[in-house]
Protein backbone atom coordinates (compact mmCIF):
# COMPACT_ATOMS: atom_id res chain seq x y z
CA MET A 1 -11.66 12.80 1.16
CA VAL A 2 -10.91 12.07 4.83
CA LYS A 3 -8.39 14.50 6.21
CA THR A 4 -5.46 12.88 7.95
CA ARG A 5 -3.72 14.59 10.81
CA PRO A 6 -0.15 13.36 11.35
CA ARG A 7 0.73 13.45 15.01
CA PRO A 8 3.79 15.61 15.74
CA ALA A 9 6.63 13.60 17.20
CA VAL A 10 7.46 14.09 20.85
CA ASN A 11 11.10 13.01 20.68
CA GLY A 12 14.08 14.29 18.74
CA VAL A 13 14.77 17.83 17.55
CA ALA A 14 11.58 19.91 17.66
CA SER A 15 12.20 21.72 14.37
CA ALA A 16 12.84 18.42 12.56
CA ASP A 17 9.69 16.96 14.08
CA ARG A 18 7.65 19.86 12.71
CA VAL A 19 9.19 19.68 9.23
CA LEU A 20 8.38 15.98 9.02
CA THR A 21 4.87 16.63 10.33
CA VAL A 22 4.28 19.08 7.46
CA LEU A 23 5.61 16.67 4.83
CA SER A 24 3.51 13.84 6.27
CA ALA A 25 0.37 15.96 5.83
CA PHE A 26 0.41 15.33 2.07
CA SER A 27 -1.65 12.30 1.08
CA VAL A 28 -2.17 10.30 -2.08
CA GLY A 29 -4.56 12.26 -4.29
CA ASP A 30 -3.42 15.70 -3.11
CA THR A 31 -2.26 17.95 -5.93
CA ALA A 32 -1.60 20.87 -3.61
CA LEU A 33 -2.55 22.02 -0.10
CA SER A 34 -3.47 25.45 1.12
CA LEU A 35 -2.07 26.94 4.31
CA VAL A 36 -5.45 26.42 6.00
CA GLU A 37 -5.46 22.72 5.06
CA LEU A 38 -1.93 22.29 6.40
CA VAL A 39 -2.98 23.88 9.69
CA GLU A 40 -5.97 21.53 9.93
CA ARG A 41 -3.91 18.44 9.16
CA THR A 42 -0.85 19.13 11.30
CA GLY A 43 -2.03 21.12 14.33
CA LEU A 44 0.76 23.64 13.69
CA ILE A 45 0.04 27.36 13.52
CA LYS A 46 0.25 29.34 10.27
CA SER A 47 3.40 31.28 11.09
CA THR A 48 5.27 28.08 11.96
CA ILE A 49 4.21 26.38 8.73
CA MET A 50 5.22 29.39 6.65
CA ARG A 51 8.70 29.39 8.21
CA LEU A 52 9.09 25.68 7.60
CA MET A 53 7.99 26.04 3.99
CA VAL A 54 10.85 28.44 3.31
CA SER A 55 13.36 25.72 4.22
CA LEU A 56 11.42 23.03 2.37
CA GLU A 57 11.35 25.18 -0.77
CA THR A 58 15.07 25.88 -0.49
CA TYR A 59 15.86 22.17 -0.43
CA GLY A 60 13.45 21.30 -3.23
CA PHE A 61 10.84 19.41 -1.21
CA VAL A 62 7.91 21.73 -1.94
CA ASN A 63 6.93 24.42 -4.43
CA ARG A 64 4.70 27.37 -3.68
CA MET A 65 2.13 27.86 -6.43
CA ALA A 66 0.85 31.18 -7.76
CA ASP A 67 -2.40 30.82 -5.79
CA GLY A 68 -0.49 30.35 -2.51
CA ARG A 69 -0.97 26.60 -2.21
CA TYR A 70 1.92 24.21 -1.74
CA MET A 71 2.76 21.05 -3.68
CA LEU A 72 5.47 18.43 -3.29
CA ALA A 73 8.51 19.00 -5.49
CA SER A 74 11.19 17.00 -7.28
CA GLU A 75 13.36 16.17 -4.26
CA VAL A 76 10.59 13.94 -2.95
CA MET A 77 10.59 12.05 -6.26
CA ARG A 78 14.37 11.72 -6.17
CA LEU A 79 14.28 10.20 -2.68
CA ASN A 80 11.50 7.84 -3.75
CA ALA A 81 13.66 6.68 -6.66
CA VAL A 82 16.55 6.06 -4.25
CA TYR A 83 14.21 4.09 -1.97
CA GLN A 84 12.79 2.01 -4.81
CA GLU A 85 16.27 1.14 -6.09
CA ALA A 86 17.39 0.11 -2.62
CA LEU A 87 14.27 -1.92 -1.93
CA ASP A 88 14.87 -5.62 -2.50
CA LEU A 89 11.29 -6.67 -3.17
CA GLU A 90 12.12 -10.34 -3.56
CA ARG A 91 13.60 -10.48 -0.06
CA HIS A 92 10.31 -9.23 1.39
CA VAL A 93 7.88 -11.18 -0.78
CA VAL A 94 9.25 -14.67 -1.36
CA PRO A 95 9.53 -15.82 2.29
CA ARG A 96 5.88 -14.86 2.79
CA LEU A 97 4.85 -16.78 -0.31
CA HIS A 98 6.56 -19.86 1.16
CA GLN A 99 4.68 -19.26 4.40
CA LEU A 100 1.33 -19.10 2.60
CA THR A 101 2.00 -22.24 0.59
CA ASP A 102 3.12 -24.11 3.70
CA GLU A 103 0.02 -23.08 5.64
CA THR A 104 -2.62 -23.36 2.89
CA GLY A 105 -1.24 -26.08 0.64
CA GLU A 106 -1.95 -23.93 -2.43
CA THR A 107 0.19 -21.92 -4.85
CA ALA A 108 1.09 -18.43 -3.64
CA SER A 109 2.03 -15.64 -6.07
CA PHE A 110 2.79 -11.96 -6.16
CA TYR A 111 1.41 -10.01 -9.13
CA VAL A 112 2.20 -6.50 -10.34
CA ARG A 113 0.42 -4.30 -12.86
CA HIS A 114 2.05 -4.30 -16.28
CA GLY A 115 0.10 -1.99 -18.58
CA ALA A 116 -3.13 -3.70 -19.55
CA TYR A 117 -1.96 -6.97 -17.98
CA ARG A 118 -0.95 -8.39 -14.62
CA LEU A 119 2.45 -10.01 -14.40
CA CYS A 120 3.37 -12.87 -12.10
CA GLN A 121 6.56 -11.55 -10.49
CA TYR A 122 7.14 -14.22 -7.81
CA ARG A 123 5.58 -17.61 -7.24
CA VAL A 124 5.84 -20.60 -4.90
CA ASN A 125 4.08 -23.66 -6.26
CA SER A 126 1.72 -25.91 -4.35
CA PRO A 127 3.09 -29.32 -3.30
CA HIS A 128 -0.01 -30.95 -4.83
CA ARG A 129 0.49 -32.77 -8.13
CA LEU A 130 -2.72 -31.13 -9.40
CA ARG A 131 -1.95 -27.42 -9.53
CA LEU A 132 -1.93 -24.42 -11.85
CA HIS A 133 1.04 -24.23 -14.18
CA LEU A 134 2.13 -20.60 -14.19
CA GLN A 135 5.64 -19.24 -13.73
CA PRO A 136 7.19 -15.86 -12.85
CA GLY A 137 7.11 -13.61 -15.89
CA ASP A 138 3.84 -15.02 -17.22
CA MET A 139 1.12 -12.49 -18.06
CA ARG A 140 -2.59 -12.61 -17.43
CA PRO A 141 -5.32 -10.16 -18.45
CA MET A 142 -6.76 -7.56 -16.09
CA ASP A 143 -10.03 -9.46 -16.03
CA GLY A 144 -12.41 -10.38 -13.22
CA ALA A 145 -9.94 -12.63 -11.39
CA ALA A 146 -9.27 -11.85 -7.75
CA GLY A 147 -5.66 -10.83 -8.45
CA ALA A 148 -6.73 -8.33 -11.11
CA GLU A 149 -9.41 -6.91 -8.82
CA ALA A 150 -6.82 -6.49 -6.06
CA LEU A 151 -4.55 -4.53 -8.41
CA ARG A 152 -7.49 -2.21 -9.12
CA THR A 153 -8.27 -1.55 -5.45
CA PRO A 154 -6.96 1.87 -4.32
CA PHE A 155 -6.17 2.40 -0.67
CA SER A 156 -9.16 4.75 -0.36
CA ARG A 157 -11.45 1.76 -0.87
CA ALA A 158 -9.53 -0.36 1.61
CA LYS A 159 -9.03 2.11 4.46
CA ASP A 160 -11.97 0.77 6.50
CA GLY A 161 -10.69 -2.78 6.25
CA LEU A 162 -10.57 -5.11 3.27
CA GLU A 163 -11.65 -8.72 3.05
CA PRO A 164 -9.82 -11.08 0.68
CA LEU A 165 -11.22 -11.05 -2.85
CA TYR A 166 -12.33 -14.42 -4.26
CA SER A 167 -12.96 -15.55 -7.83
CA SER A 168 -13.58 -18.85 -9.57
CA GLY A 169 -13.45 -19.46 -13.32
CA ALA A 170 -12.59 -15.84 -14.18
CA THR A 171 -9.46 -16.53 -16.26
CA ASP A 172 -9.51 -20.31 -16.35
CA PRO A 173 -12.81 -22.21 -15.87
CA HIS A 174 -11.03 -24.76 -13.68
CA ALA A 175 -9.10 -22.30 -11.48
CA ALA A 176 -9.94 -20.23 -8.42
CA SER A 177 -8.00 -17.59 -6.52
CA VAL A 178 -8.11 -15.37 -3.48
CA ALA A 179 -6.19 -12.09 -3.36
CA LEU A 180 -5.38 -8.97 -1.38
CA PRO A 181 -3.72 -5.74 -2.52
CA ILE A 182 -0.38 -4.80 -0.96
CA TYR A 183 0.25 -1.10 -0.35
CA GLY A 184 3.47 0.87 0.00
CA PRO A 185 4.46 3.82 2.21
CA LEU A 186 2.56 6.32 0.02
CA GLN A 187 -0.57 4.14 0.04
CA GLU A 188 0.24 3.16 -3.54
CA ILE A 189 -0.47 -0.35 -4.80
CA VAL A 190 2.80 -2.29 -4.84
CA GLY A 191 1.22 -5.51 -6.04
CA ALA A 192 -1.28 -8.24 -5.24
CA LEU A 193 -0.77 -11.25 -3.00
CA VAL A 194 -2.60 -14.21 -4.54
CA ILE A 195 -3.39 -17.77 -3.52
CA SER A 196 -4.57 -19.92 -6.43
CA GLY A 197 -5.53 -23.50 -7.08
CA PRO A 198 -8.02 -25.82 -8.78
CA ALA A 199 -11.58 -24.57 -8.31
CA ALA A 200 -12.63 -27.95 -6.94
CA ARG A 201 -10.13 -27.59 -4.09
CA LEU A 202 -9.92 -23.83 -3.56
CA THR A 203 -13.62 -23.32 -2.95
CA ALA A 204 -15.24 -20.22 -1.45
CA ASP A 205 -15.61 -22.09 1.85
CA TYR A 206 -11.94 -23.07 1.89
CA ALA A 207 -10.98 -19.46 1.07
CA LYS A 208 -12.95 -18.35 4.14
CA SER A 209 -11.21 -20.94 6.31
CA ILE A 210 -7.75 -19.55 5.43
CA ARG A 211 -8.86 -15.92 5.66
CA ASP A 212 -7.09 -15.10 8.96
CA VAL A 213 -3.77 -16.59 7.85
CA PHE A 214 -3.96 -14.79 4.51
CA VAL A 215 -4.82 -11.39 6.02
CA ALA A 216 -2.07 -11.69 8.63
CA VAL A 217 0.59 -12.43 5.99
CA ALA A 218 -0.66 -9.63 3.71
CA GLU A 219 -0.57 -7.08 6.54
CA ASP A 220 2.88 -8.28 7.58
CA LEU A 221 4.13 -7.83 4.00
CA THR A 222 2.59 -4.36 3.77
CA ARG A 223 4.35 -3.29 6.98
CA SER A 224 7.61 -4.83 5.77
CA LEU A 225 7.42 -2.66 2.63
CA GLY A 226 6.92 0.50 4.68
CA GLY A 227 3.15 0.72 4.37
CA LYS A 228 0.37 0.59 6.93
CA SER A 229 -2.26 -2.10 7.09
CA THR A 230 -5.80 -0.89 6.52
CA ARG A 231 -6.59 -1.57 10.16
CA GLU A 232 -3.63 0.52 11.32
CA GLU A 233 -4.64 3.37 9.01
CA LYS A 234 -8.21 3.25 10.30
CA GLY A 235 -6.86 3.51 13.84
CA ALA A 236 -4.69 6.49 12.87
CA LEU A 237 -7.70 8.29 11.39
CA ASN A 238 -9.57 7.81 14.66
CA ALA A 239 -6.66 9.02 16.80
CA PRO A 240 -7.17 12.24 18.80
CA VAL A 241 -6.17 15.45 17.02
CA PRO A 242 -3.09 17.15 18.51
CA LYS A 243 -3.32 20.66 19.88
CA ALA A 244 -1.78 23.49 17.87
CA ILE A 245 1.86 24.09 18.72
CA ASN A 246 4.31 26.82 17.82
């Protein structure tokens, strides 16, 4: 796993900057972090981290395990629940679906994982008379279609940049689609942005021709939902490591 090193903030209250730097050191896939790992990821010295952990434990943000490692605690989950409840996903997604349909002429959808299926949560239909007839709430299998593949793509596979996924005839022999995963602030998959249409019209060549528009909208949606685009994350990983501070 690539170690990330959050850069300590240079503005605001110094103690708050350091607390947030420690919390930001935890990444998706971490069960717990040792003191040495926290030092490596934050640039803070051990004594500073230990002092900060006392406050974080008091307020329920971290737990210290028997082996001395630290893990995130229930207060983080509570705040995430508050965030999710406050997040109006439709407000972020639907305008971008309209943008995609206007610019590509094809149907644009947003899919989420629903157990063993993928669920069409939002959809803006193509203006063409010949189009796919699928509505929000409809389910499709997690098969080899581009949308299903996108929902199976963890951020770790996309961190070096991700090209749109294309499929033709996977679910319907007459349908094609191009898709990209959308990630949230914890690098979790929020859903999949999908453009779909008749295979005769949405060919692999046409999918390539709309690639830049599609990627730009997907990255804009990811940022709108609090996440980082894969290109931004790659840049952060290549950023210079901060010096240790007290």
